[in-house]
């Protein structure tokens, strides 16, 4: 079974989400950044590596949020998903303007790993078409029953 880790990266009551490229599996769906755990790698090491590769930043990984198995009809076997709360390492607290957030989101996607990278409030999450495995988690975040703070 493939294990995938993902980060719910938070800042100023916003959550970082990423839109998959149209040439990838599940094109243009939204997701939390992360990726597959390689042989011999811990879950948190894999997550830190994936975020650095995809977004070009180091993260401080917080508590594990959720762990479950999900089976996509398009894949030959189920995957195990493990979600963690995280923050960008070394970031100073303080509110960023919408313009600063927009520029930063573009910089996070300099690798071209995604179509778009945006910061949204938890309440806005249901407006985006996420991967099916993320839907229950999205509902909990949006309703406030799971707080990223």
Protein backbone atom coordinates (compact mmCIF):
# COMPACT_ATOMS: atom_id res chain seq x y z
CA UNK A 1 0.00 0.00 0.00
CA UNK A 2 1.23 3.49 -0.83
CA UNK A 3 1.38 5.97 2.05
CA UNK A 4 0.90 9.66 1.31
CA UNK A 5 1.46 12.53 3.74
CA UNK A 6 -0.11 15.97 3.41
CA UNK A 7 0.29 19.27 5.26
CA UNK A 8 -2.51 21.56 6.31
CA UNK A 9 -0.30 24.66 6.34
CA UNK A 10 -1.86 27.53 8.27
CA UNK A 11 -1.18 31.23 8.73
CA UNK A 12 -3.36 34.12 9.91
CA UNK A 13 -6.47 31.90 9.94
CA UNK A 14 -5.83 30.87 6.34
CA UNK A 15 -4.95 27.48 4.88
CA UNK A 16 -2.65 26.85 1.91
CA UNK A 17 -4.21 24.74 -0.85
CA UNK A 18 -2.87 23.67 -4.22
CA UNK A 19 -4.50 22.87 -7.56
CA UNK A 20 -3.15 19.84 -9.39
CA UNK A 21 -1.84 20.35 -12.92
CA UNK A 22 -4.04 19.26 -15.80
CA UNK A 23 -1.41 16.76 -17.01
CA UNK A 24 -1.43 14.85 -13.68
CA UNK A 25 -3.74 12.20 -12.23
CA UNK A 26 -6.95 13.83 -10.97
CA UNK A 27 -6.38 16.96 -13.10
CA UNK A 28 -7.22 20.39 -11.67
CA UNK A 29 -8.48 18.99 -8.35
CA UNK A 30 -7.46 20.87 -5.21
CA UNK A 31 -5.41 19.27 -2.44
CA UNK A 32 -3.23 19.91 0.55
CA UNK A 33 0.45 19.75 -0.49
CA UNK A 34 2.44 16.62 0.22
CA UNK A 35 3.26 13.33 -1.43
CA UNK A 36 4.37 9.72 -1.27
CA UNK A 37 6.54 8.32 1.48
CA UNK A 38 9.65 6.63 0.09
CA UNK A 39 11.16 3.40 1.45
CA UNK A 40 12.97 3.95 4.74
CA UNK A 41 11.57 7.45 5.20
CA UNK A 42 9.55 8.55 8.23
CA UNK A 43 6.17 10.18 7.64
CA UNK A 44 7.37 13.59 8.79
CA UNK A 45 10.64 13.38 6.83
CA UNK A 46 8.64 12.56 3.70
CA UNK A 47 6.30 15.47 4.30
CA UNK A 48 9.14 17.93 4.87
CA UNK A 49 10.90 16.70 1.70
CA UNK A 50 7.76 16.92 -0.43
CA UNK A 51 6.92 20.45 0.73
CA UNK A 52 10.48 21.61 0.06
CA UNK A 53 10.40 20.02 -3.43
CA UNK A 54 6.94 21.31 -4.35
CA UNK A 55 6.80 24.71 -2.62
CA UNK A 56 10.46 25.53 -1.95
CA UNK A 57 9.94 26.12 1.78
CA UNK A 58 10.73 24.35 5.02
CA UNK A 59 7.87 23.67 7.40
CA UNK A 60 7.42 23.12 11.11
CA UNK A 61 5.27 20.01 11.36
CA UNK A 62 2.68 19.99 14.11
CA UNK A 63 0.33 17.31 15.31
CA UNK A 64 -1.09 14.53 13.20
CA UNK A 65 -4.65 15.45 12.27
CA UNK A 66 -6.02 12.35 10.66
CA UNK A 67 -4.96 9.00 9.20
CA UNK A 68 -7.12 6.77 7.04
CA UNK A 69 -7.20 4.52 3.98
CA UNK A 70 -8.96 5.53 0.80
CA UNK A 71 -9.53 3.67 -2.44
CA UNK A 72 -9.83 5.57 -5.71
CA UNK A 73 -11.42 3.56 -8.53
CA UNK A 74 -8.67 4.88 -10.83
CA UNK A 75 -5.87 3.35 -8.72
CA UNK A 76 -5.02 -0.34 -8.42
CA UNK A 77 -4.76 -0.35 -4.60
CA UNK A 78 -5.90 1.77 -1.66
CA UNK A 79 -3.66 4.49 -0.30
CA UNK A 80 -3.03 5.45 3.30
CA UNK A 81 -3.32 9.20 3.86
CA UNK A 82 -1.76 10.95 6.84
CA UNK A 83 -2.48 14.66 7.43
CA UNK A 84 -0.50 17.00 9.70
CA UNK A 85 -0.96 20.60 10.71
CA UNK A 86 2.08 22.69 9.76
CA UNK A 87 3.45 26.22 9.56
CA UNK A 88 6.13 27.68 7.35
CA UNK A 89 9.42 27.49 9.28
CA UNK A 90 10.87 30.71 10.63
CA UNK A 91 7.85 32.77 9.72
CA UNK A 92 7.21 35.85 11.84
CA UNK A 93 3.70 36.46 13.02
CA UNK A 94 1.96 39.40 11.48
CA UNK A 95 -0.74 39.93 8.94
CA UNK A 96 0.16 40.03 5.25
CA UNK A 97 -1.78 42.11 2.74
CA UNK A 98 -3.74 40.37 -0.02
CA UNK A 99 -1.12 41.59 -2.52
CA UNK A 100 1.72 40.10 -0.46
CA UNK A 101 -0.17 36.82 -0.17
CA UNK A 102 -0.76 36.73 -3.93
CA UNK A 103 2.93 37.33 -4.72
CA UNK A 104 3.99 34.76 -2.16
CA UNK A 105 1.58 32.16 -3.57
CA UNK A 106 3.14 32.63 -7.01
CA UNK A 107 6.62 32.19 -5.50
CA UNK A 108 5.49 28.98 -3.76
CA UNK A 109 4.61 27.58 -7.17
CA UNK A 110 7.91 28.54 -8.86
CA UNK A 111 8.65 24.83 -9.38
CA UNK A 112 5.50 24.48 -11.48
CA UNK A 113 4.33 21.56 -9.34
CA UNK A 114 0.79 22.96 -9.33
CA UNK A 115 -1.54 25.03 -11.51
CA UNK A 116 -2.27 27.37 -8.58
CA UNK A 117 -1.33 27.80 -4.93
CA UNK A 118 -3.64 29.95 -2.78
CA UNK A 119 -4.38 30.83 0.86
CA UNK A 120 -8.05 30.52 1.83
CA UNK A 121 -10.13 30.62 4.99
CA UNK A 122 -11.49 27.32 6.31
CA UNK A 123 -15.01 28.51 5.46
CA UNK A 124 -13.99 28.94 1.79
CA UNK A 125 -12.68 25.37 1.39
CA UNK A 126 -16.00 23.88 0.14
CA UNK A 127 -15.93 26.32 -2.82
CA UNK A 128 -13.00 24.34 -4.28
CA UNK A 129 -13.23 20.93 -5.96
CA UNK A 130 -10.95 18.76 -3.81
CA UNK A 131 -9.75 15.21 -4.24
CA UNK A 132 -12.49 12.86 -3.01
CA UNK A 133 -10.35 11.51 -0.16
CA UNK A 134 -10.15 15.03 1.32
CA UNK A 135 -13.88 15.76 1.47
CA UNK A 136 -14.63 14.67 5.06
CA UNK A 137 -11.60 16.60 6.30
CA UNK A 138 -12.67 19.68 4.29
CA UNK A 139 -16.14 19.49 5.86
CA UNK A 140 -14.67 19.33 9.39
CA UNK A 141 -12.33 22.28 8.75
CA UNK A 142 -15.06 24.38 7.10
CA UNK A 143 -17.61 23.70 9.86
CA UNK A 144 -15.12 24.56 12.58
CA UNK A 145 -15.33 21.12 14.22
CA UNK A 146 -11.60 20.78 13.43
CA UNK A 147 -9.64 23.92 14.16
CA UNK A 148 -6.20 24.45 12.61
CA UNK A 149 -5.29 26.94 15.34
